[in-house]
Amino acid sequence: MAEAAETLSPEGSALDLATDQAVEACDGDAWAAVRALLVANAALEEEVARLSARVSTGYARGRVRPATRSG
């Protein structure tokens, strides 16, 4: 595992730092950190869907697919 740590790019180091910060924000509880990140990701996905639904097809030139409603 030490070899992999030596070959990390600067982006990898930033990812490691962000990971450490996420776990630290949850008082060292990795499970709570993963849960918090999943909740945040779900909120961001909802925001993307909401904004995608508001973008006109003409403005986006067809690059944004209309949001599908689940449920």
N, C-alpha and C. Protein backbone atom coordinates (compact mmCIF):
# COMPACT_ATOMS: atom_id res chain seq x y z
N MET A 1 0.82 -1.19 0.00
CA MET A 1 0.00 0.00 0.00
C MET A 1 0.86 1.25 0.00
N ALA A 2 2.03 1.17 0.57
CA ALA A 2 2.92 2.33 0.61
C ALA A 2 3.34 2.74 -0.80
N GLU A 3 3.48 1.76 -1.71
CA GLU A 3 3.86 2.08 -3.09
C GLU A 3 2.79 2.91 -3.77
N ALA A 4 1.54 2.58 -3.54
CA ALA A 4 0.44 3.33 -4.15
C ALA A 4 0.43 4.76 -3.64
N ALA A 5 0.73 4.96 -2.38
CA ALA A 5 0.74 6.30 -1.80
C ALA A 5 1.85 7.14 -2.42
N GLU A 6 2.95 6.52 -2.78
CA GLU A 6 4.07 7.26 -3.37
C GLU A 6 3.78 7.71 -4.79
N THR A 7 2.88 7.03 -5.50
CA THR A 7 2.62 7.34 -6.90
C THR A 7 1.38 8.23 -7.08
N LEU A 8 0.81 8.73 -5.99
CA LEU A 8 -0.38 9.56 -6.10
C LEU A 8 -0.06 10.88 -6.78
N SER A 9 -0.99 11.32 -7.60
CA SER A 9 -0.87 12.61 -8.24
C SER A 9 -1.30 13.68 -7.24
N PRO A 10 -1.08 14.96 -7.57
CA PRO A 10 -1.57 16.02 -6.68
C PRO A 10 -3.08 15.94 -6.45
N GLU A 11 -3.83 15.47 -7.48
CA GLU A 11 -5.26 15.31 -7.31
C GLU A 11 -5.55 14.23 -6.28
N GLY A 12 -4.74 13.19 -6.27
CA GLY A 12 -4.90 12.12 -5.28
C GLY A 12 -4.64 12.63 -3.88
N SER A 13 -3.64 13.48 -3.74
CA SER A 13 -3.35 14.06 -2.43
C SER A 13 -4.50 14.94 -1.97
N ALA A 14 -5.09 15.68 -2.87
CA ALA A 14 -6.23 16.53 -2.53
C ALA A 14 -7.42 15.66 -2.13
N LEU A 15 -7.58 14.54 -2.82
CA LEU A 15 -8.66 13.62 -2.49
C LEU A 15 -8.44 13.01 -1.11
N ASP A 16 -7.20 12.66 -0.81
CA ASP A 16 -6.89 12.12 0.52
C ASP A 16 -7.19 13.15 1.60
N LEU A 17 -6.82 14.39 1.35
CA LEU A 17 -7.07 15.46 2.31
C LEU A 17 -8.57 15.66 2.51
N ALA A 18 -9.33 15.67 1.41
CA ALA A 18 -10.78 15.84 1.51
C ALA A 18 -11.41 14.66 2.26
N THR A 19 -10.88 13.46 2.02
CA THR A 19 -11.38 12.28 2.73
C THR A 19 -11.14 12.41 4.22
N ASP A 20 -9.94 12.80 4.58
CA ASP A 20 -9.61 12.99 5.99
C ASP A 20 -10.50 14.05 6.62
N GLN A 21 -10.76 15.14 5.90
CA GLN A 21 -11.61 16.20 6.42
C GLN A 21 -13.04 15.72 6.62
N ALA A 22 -13.53 14.90 5.69
CA ALA A 22 -14.90 14.39 5.81
C ALA A 22 -15.03 13.50 7.04
N VAL A 23 -14.07 12.63 7.25
CA VAL A 23 -14.11 11.75 8.41
C VAL A 23 -13.94 12.56 9.70
N GLU A 24 -13.05 13.54 9.67
CA GLU A 24 -12.83 14.38 10.85
C GLU A 24 -14.10 15.17 11.20
N ALA A 25 -14.83 15.63 10.17
CA ALA A 25 -16.06 16.39 10.40
C ALA A 25 -17.11 15.53 11.09
N CYS A 26 -16.99 14.21 10.96
CA CYS A 26 -17.92 13.28 11.59
C CYS A 26 -17.29 12.63 12.82
N ASP A 27 -16.40 13.36 13.47
CA ASP A 27 -15.74 12.90 14.71
C ASP A 27 -15.05 11.55 14.55
N GLY A 28 -14.47 11.31 13.37
CA GLY A 28 -13.71 10.09 13.14
C GLY A 28 -14.54 8.88 12.78
N ASP A 29 -15.84 9.05 12.65
CA ASP A 29 -16.73 7.94 12.33
C ASP A 29 -16.86 7.83 10.81
N ALA A 30 -16.18 6.84 10.23
CA ALA A 30 -16.17 6.68 8.77
C ALA A 30 -17.56 6.37 8.24
N TRP A 31 -18.33 5.56 8.96
CA TRP A 31 -19.69 5.22 8.53
C TRP A 31 -20.54 6.49 8.45
N ALA A 32 -20.44 7.33 9.45
CA ALA A 32 -21.20 8.59 9.46
C ALA A 32 -20.74 9.49 8.32
N ALA A 33 -19.45 9.49 8.02
CA ALA A 33 -18.92 10.32 6.92
C ALA A 33 -19.47 9.85 5.58
N VAL A 34 -19.50 8.53 5.37
CA VAL A 34 -20.04 7.99 4.12
C VAL A 34 -21.52 8.34 4.02
N ARG A 35 -22.25 8.18 5.11
CA ARG A 35 -23.68 8.50 5.10
C ARG A 35 -23.92 9.97 4.78
N ALA A 36 -23.14 10.84 5.40
CA ALA A 36 -23.28 12.28 5.16
C ALA A 36 -22.98 12.62 3.70
N LEU A 37 -21.97 11.98 3.13
CA LEU A 37 -21.63 12.23 1.73
C LEU A 37 -22.71 11.70 0.79
N LEU A 38 -23.32 10.57 1.13
CA LEU A 38 -24.41 10.04 0.31
C LEU A 38 -25.63 10.97 0.36
N VAL A 39 -25.92 11.50 1.53
CA VAL A 39 -27.04 12.44 1.67
C VAL A 39 -26.74 13.71 0.85
N ALA A 40 -25.52 14.21 0.95
CA ALA A 40 -25.15 15.41 0.19
C ALA A 40 -25.21 15.14 -1.31
N ASN A 41 -24.76 13.96 -1.74
CA ASN A 41 -24.80 13.61 -3.15
C ASN A 41 -26.24 13.54 -3.67
N ALA A 42 -27.13 12.95 -2.86
CA ALA A 42 -28.54 12.86 -3.25
C ALA A 42 -29.14 14.25 -3.41
N ALA A 43 -28.78 15.15 -2.51
CA ALA A 43 -29.29 16.52 -2.61
C ALA A 43 -28.77 17.20 -3.87
N LEU A 44 -27.53 16.96 -4.21
CA LEU A 44 -26.97 17.55 -5.43
C LEU A 44 -27.61 16.96 -6.68
N GLU A 45 -27.90 15.66 -6.66
CA GLU A 45 -28.57 15.04 -7.80
C GLU A 45 -29.97 15.62 -7.99
N GLU A 46 -30.67 15.86 -6.89
CA GLU A 46 -31.99 16.48 -6.97
C GLU A 46 -31.90 17.89 -7.54
N GLU A 47 -30.88 18.62 -7.13
CA GLU A 47 -30.67 19.99 -7.63
C GLU A 47 -30.38 19.97 -9.14
N VAL A 48 -29.55 19.04 -9.58
CA VAL A 48 -29.25 18.93 -11.01
C VAL A 48 -30.52 18.61 -11.78
N ALA A 49 -31.30 17.69 -11.28
CA ALA A 49 -32.55 17.32 -11.96
C ALA A 49 -33.50 18.52 -12.02
N ARG A 50 -33.59 19.26 -10.92
CA ARG A 50 -34.47 20.43 -10.88
C ARG A 50 -34.01 21.50 -11.88
N LEU A 51 -32.72 21.75 -11.90
CA LEU A 51 -32.20 22.76 -12.82
C LEU A 51 -32.27 22.30 -14.28
N SER A 52 -32.02 21.02 -14.51
CA SER A 52 -32.11 20.49 -15.88
C SER A 52 -33.52 20.63 -16.42
N ALA A 53 -34.51 20.46 -15.56
CA ALA A 53 -35.90 20.59 -15.99
C ALA A 53 -36.24 22.03 -16.37
N ARG A 54 -35.50 22.97 -15.83
CA ARG A 54 -35.78 24.38 -16.10
C ARG A 54 -35.05 24.93 -17.32
N VAL A 55 -34.03 24.22 -17.78
CA VAL A 55 -33.25 24.69 -18.93
C VAL A 55 -34.00 24.35 -20.21
N SER A 56 -34.17 25.35 -21.06
CA SER A 56 -34.87 25.09 -22.31
C SER A 56 -34.00 24.26 -23.24
N THR A 57 -34.63 23.43 -24.04
CA THR A 57 -33.90 22.57 -24.97
C THR A 57 -33.16 23.43 -25.99
N GLY A 58 -33.77 24.53 -26.41
CA GLY A 58 -33.12 25.41 -27.37
C GLY A 58 -31.86 26.03 -26.82
N TYR A 59 -31.92 26.48 -25.58
CA TYR A 59 -30.75 27.09 -24.96
C TYR A 59 -29.62 26.08 -24.82
N ALA A 60 -29.97 24.87 -24.41
CA ALA A 60 -28.96 23.84 -24.20
C ALA A 60 -28.55 23.16 -25.49
N ARG A 61 -29.23 23.49 -26.58
CA ARG A 61 -28.96 22.90 -27.89
C ARG A 61 -29.02 21.38 -27.85
N GLY A 62 -29.98 20.87 -27.09
CA GLY A 62 -30.19 19.43 -27.03
C GLY A 62 -29.21 18.67 -26.16
N ARG A 63 -28.27 19.35 -25.51
CA ARG A 63 -27.28 18.66 -24.68
C ARG A 63 -27.84 18.21 -23.34
N VAL A 64 -28.91 18.84 -22.91
CA VAL A 64 -29.53 18.49 -21.64
C VAL A 64 -30.80 17.71 -21.93
N ARG A 65 -30.84 16.50 -21.41
CA ARG A 65 -32.03 15.68 -21.60
C ARG A 65 -33.11 16.12 -20.62
N PRO A 66 -34.35 16.08 -21.04
CA PRO A 66 -35.43 16.41 -20.11
C PRO A 66 -35.40 15.47 -18.91
N ALA A 67 -35.63 16.02 -17.73
CA ALA A 67 -35.62 15.21 -16.52
C ALA A 67 -36.79 14.24 -16.55
N THR A 68 -36.51 13.02 -16.15
CA THR A 68 -37.58 12.03 -16.05
C THR A 68 -38.02 11.97 -14.60
N ARG A 69 -39.29 11.82 -14.42
CA ARG A 69 -39.82 11.76 -13.06
C ARG A 69 -39.96 10.31 -12.66
N SER A 70 -39.38 9.98 -11.52
CA SER A 70 -39.49 8.61 -11.03
C SER A 70 -40.54 8.56 -9.93
N GLY A 71 -41.27 7.45 -9.90
CA GLY A 71 -42.22 7.25 -8.82
C GLY A 71 -43.61 7.58 -9.10
